Amino acid sequence: MTSDKEQNTEAKLESLATLAYDTIHWLERHRQECLFVGPQLLDPSPISKLEMTAQLYFPELKDKVFRISSAEVKYREWVIRSQKEIQETGPISETLIDDYSQIYQELHKSVFAVAEAAGDLIRGFNRQNNPKHSEKPHFLK
């Protein structure tokens, strides 16, 4: 029988993993908009919620969360530079598109690293509390 604290921890871990995947989905959707419509930040990113959840409940992920924060700053700076370039000269330059690929990959990898870490924590938590329940959660399969 698991305690309320254990259930809360497991729920927070699942929430963290879900937020990471929501962020990856948001990032992919935003990537499509940037490349085919033009760079915009229309809807809020789930990154802030992901960072806050990780920082509040899982300090062991501090370094991974810092990488997300750093990569997000670069991503937002790219969006601003691109918007400015479009206003001043028209289409986005090849240089900015190349920059985007690198910035996007860095942000994607940092978010995915948190998702993997959350999955590892969930599996470890499950093994500790129920040795028979050591397979991946449904959203990581």
Foldseek 3Di string as FASTA:
>chain_A
DDDPVLVVLLVLLVVLLVLLVQQLVVLVVQVCCCVPPNHDDDDDGSLVVNLVSCVVRPVVCVVLNVQLVVLVVQQVVLRVVRVVCCVVPNHGDPVSVVVNVVSSVSNNVSSVVSSVVSQVVSLVSCCVVPVVPNDTPPVVD
